[in-house]
Amino acid sequence: MSLTTEKYYPFFLAAVAGCLWWYFSFLLPVDEKEFLAAALSLGAVLTGFIATAQAILMALPNESAMGRIRSTGYLPNLTSYIGTALYGGMLFCAVDLAGFFLLDSSKRLPVLFSVAWATISVFAALSFFRVTSIMLKIMRHP
């Protein structure tokens, strides 16, 4: 995968997912309260993982893998990806939390909220996937 593709695919695919969600008029599951609670828990776990990975990378000495990453010039990309994943996860949690305030006992969440939720969830998932796959490559490198 090229560096340009690696940088932008979470944004692009999230926008495509949001457009498809809007076009096909998908909705969140009927039991929205429990669904949002489960999604919020998942978002919190993934965001915590990214924050932990960030802390571990920051604590690594220069003689370790971190030193090699710094010497390659890819550290700005890696920190950008970690930051994007962290903010994406936090945004996903915030949207899930906001959904509780939009719930009304007599009707469902607005379609626009559903589209925003789908877009942000795909973005957060792909950002998490990107960081995780890079971290695994770093761990596998001799």
Protein backbone atom coordinates (compact mmCIF):
# COMPACT_ATOMS: atom_id res chain seq x y z
CA MET A 1 0.00 0.00 0.00
CA SER A 2 1.35 3.43 -0.88
CA LEU A 3 1.92 6.02 1.81
CA THR A 4 -0.83 8.25 0.36
CA THR A 5 -3.32 5.39 0.42
CA GLU A 6 -2.27 4.49 3.95
CA LYS A 7 -2.78 8.08 5.10
CA TYR A 8 -6.23 8.64 3.66
CA TYR A 9 -8.08 5.33 3.38
CA PRO A 10 -9.85 5.60 6.77
CA PHE A 11 -11.27 8.99 5.77
CA PHE A 12 -12.26 7.90 2.27
CA LEU A 13 -13.85 4.57 3.23
CA ALA A 14 -15.71 6.18 6.15
CA ALA A 15 -17.19 8.76 3.75
CA VAL A 16 -18.17 5.97 1.34
CA ALA A 17 -19.77 4.01 4.20
CA GLY A 18 -21.73 7.09 5.31
CA CYS A 19 -22.98 7.70 1.77
CA LEU A 20 -24.02 4.07 1.40
CA TRP A 21 -25.73 4.14 4.79
CA TRP A 22 -27.68 7.25 3.68
CA TYR A 23 -28.45 5.88 0.20
CA PHE A 24 -29.81 2.55 1.46
CA SER A 25 -31.55 4.21 4.45
CA PHE A 26 -30.07 1.84 7.01
CA LEU A 27 -31.10 2.33 10.61
CA LEU A 28 -29.57 1.31 13.91
CA PRO A 29 -31.03 -1.80 15.57
CA VAL A 30 -34.46 -1.44 17.15
CA ASP A 31 -33.17 -1.73 20.71
CA GLU A 32 -31.08 1.42 20.32
CA LYS A 33 -30.32 2.03 23.99
CA GLU A 34 -28.59 -1.31 24.48
CA PHE A 35 -26.89 -1.01 21.11
CA LEU A 36 -25.45 2.41 22.00
CA ALA A 37 -24.31 1.10 25.39
CA ALA A 38 -22.47 -1.82 23.75
CA ALA A 39 -20.95 0.48 21.10
CA LEU A 40 -19.83 2.92 23.80
CA SER A 41 -18.13 0.08 25.69
CA LEU A 42 -16.38 -1.13 22.55
CA GLY A 43 -15.26 2.40 21.69
CA ALA A 44 -13.89 2.92 25.19
CA VAL A 45 -11.91 -0.34 25.07
CA LEU A 46 -10.41 0.45 21.65
CA THR A 47 -9.60 4.02 22.64
CA GLY A 48 -7.92 2.75 25.80
CA PHE A 49 -5.85 0.34 23.76
CA ILE A 50 -4.65 3.14 21.47
CA ALA A 51 -3.83 5.38 24.44
CA THR A 52 -1.86 2.53 26.02
CA ALA A 53 0.03 1.88 22.77
CA GLN A 54 0.87 5.58 22.62
CA ALA A 55 2.20 5.56 26.18
CA ILE A 56 4.29 2.45 25.53
CA LEU A 57 5.83 3.93 22.38
CA MET A 58 6.65 7.17 24.18
CA ALA A 59 8.39 5.26 26.96
CA LEU A 60 10.61 3.15 24.69
CA PRO A 61 14.29 4.09 24.77
CA ASN A 62 16.05 5.30 21.63
CA GLU A 63 18.08 2.06 21.45
CA SER A 64 14.91 0.02 20.84
CA ALA A 65 12.42 -0.10 17.99
CA MET A 66 11.54 3.51 18.71
CA GLY A 67 15.06 4.59 17.80
CA ARG A 68 14.81 2.74 14.49
CA ILE A 69 11.43 4.35 13.79
CA ARG A 70 12.88 7.77 14.50
CA SER A 71 15.83 7.12 12.19
CA THR A 72 13.57 6.11 9.28
CA GLY A 73 11.65 9.39 9.30
CA TYR A 74 8.28 7.67 9.70
CA LEU A 75 7.73 8.81 13.28
CA PRO A 76 5.56 11.79 12.22
CA ASN A 77 3.33 9.41 10.25
CA LEU A 78 3.07 6.96 13.14
CA THR A 79 2.23 9.67 15.66
CA SER A 80 -0.34 11.11 13.25
CA TYR A 81 -1.95 7.68 12.84
CA ILE A 82 -2.02 7.09 16.60
CA GLY A 83 -3.49 10.54 17.19
CA THR A 84 -6.11 10.00 14.50
CA ALA A 85 -7.09 6.65 15.99
CA LEU A 86 -7.25 8.13 19.49
CA TYR A 87 -9.40 11.07 18.41
CA GLY A 88 -11.54 8.81 16.21
CA GLY A 89 -12.21 6.52 19.14
CA MET A 90 -13.02 9.44 21.42
CA LEU A 91 -15.36 10.90 18.78
CA PHE A 92 -17.04 7.51 18.41
CA CYS A 93 -17.61 7.39 22.18
CA ALA A 94 -18.93 10.96 22.17
CA VAL A 95 -21.40 10.19 19.39
CA ASP A 96 -22.57 7.06 21.22
CA LEU A 97 -23.04 9.12 24.36
CA ALA A 98 -24.90 11.85 22.45
CA GLY A 99 -27.27 9.20 21.13
CA PHE A 100 -28.59 8.64 24.64
CA PHE A 101 -29.66 12.28 24.79
CA LEU A 102 -31.39 12.02 21.41
CA LEU A 103 -33.37 8.92 22.34
CA ASP A 104 -37.05 9.50 22.80
CA SER A 105 -39.24 6.80 24.28
CA SER A 106 -41.78 7.10 21.47
CA LYS A 107 -39.56 7.25 18.38
CA ARG A 108 -36.23 6.16 16.96
CA LEU A 109 -33.01 8.08 16.59
CA PRO A 110 -32.96 10.48 13.62
CA VAL A 111 -31.68 9.11 10.31
CA LEU A 112 -28.97 11.79 10.20
CA PHE A 113 -27.66 10.55 13.54
CA SER A 114 -27.60 7.01 12.16
CA VAL A 115 -25.57 8.16 9.15
CA ALA A 116 -23.14 10.08 11.37
CA TRP A 117 -22.82 7.07 13.66
CA ALA A 118 -22.04 4.75 10.75
CA THR A 119 -19.50 7.14 9.25
CA ILE A 120 -17.67 7.72 12.52
CA SER A 121 -17.76 4.05 13.49
CA VAL A 122 -16.14 3.02 10.19
CA PHE A 123 -13.57 5.80 10.56
CA ALA A 124 -12.72 4.77 14.13
CA ALA A 125 -12.51 1.08 13.20
CA LEU A 126 -10.25 1.69 10.20
CA SER A 127 -8.02 4.08 12.14
CA PHE A 128 -7.69 1.48 14.87
CA PHE A 129 -6.95 -1.21 12.28
CA ARG A 130 -4.27 0.95 10.65
CA VAL A 131 -2.43 1.55 13.94
CA THR A 132 -2.77 -2.07 15.02
CA SER A 133 -1.41 -3.42 11.75
CA ILE A 134 1.57 -1.04 11.87
CA MET A 135 2.28 -1.93 15.49
CA LEU A 136 2.23 -5.63 14.60
CA LYS A 137 4.66 -5.00 11.73
CA ILE A 138 6.97 -3.19 14.15
CA MET A 139 6.78 -6.11 16.57
CA ARG A 140 7.54 -8.65 13.83
CA HIS A 141 10.52 -6.72 12.46
CA PRO A 142 13.82 -8.34 13.47
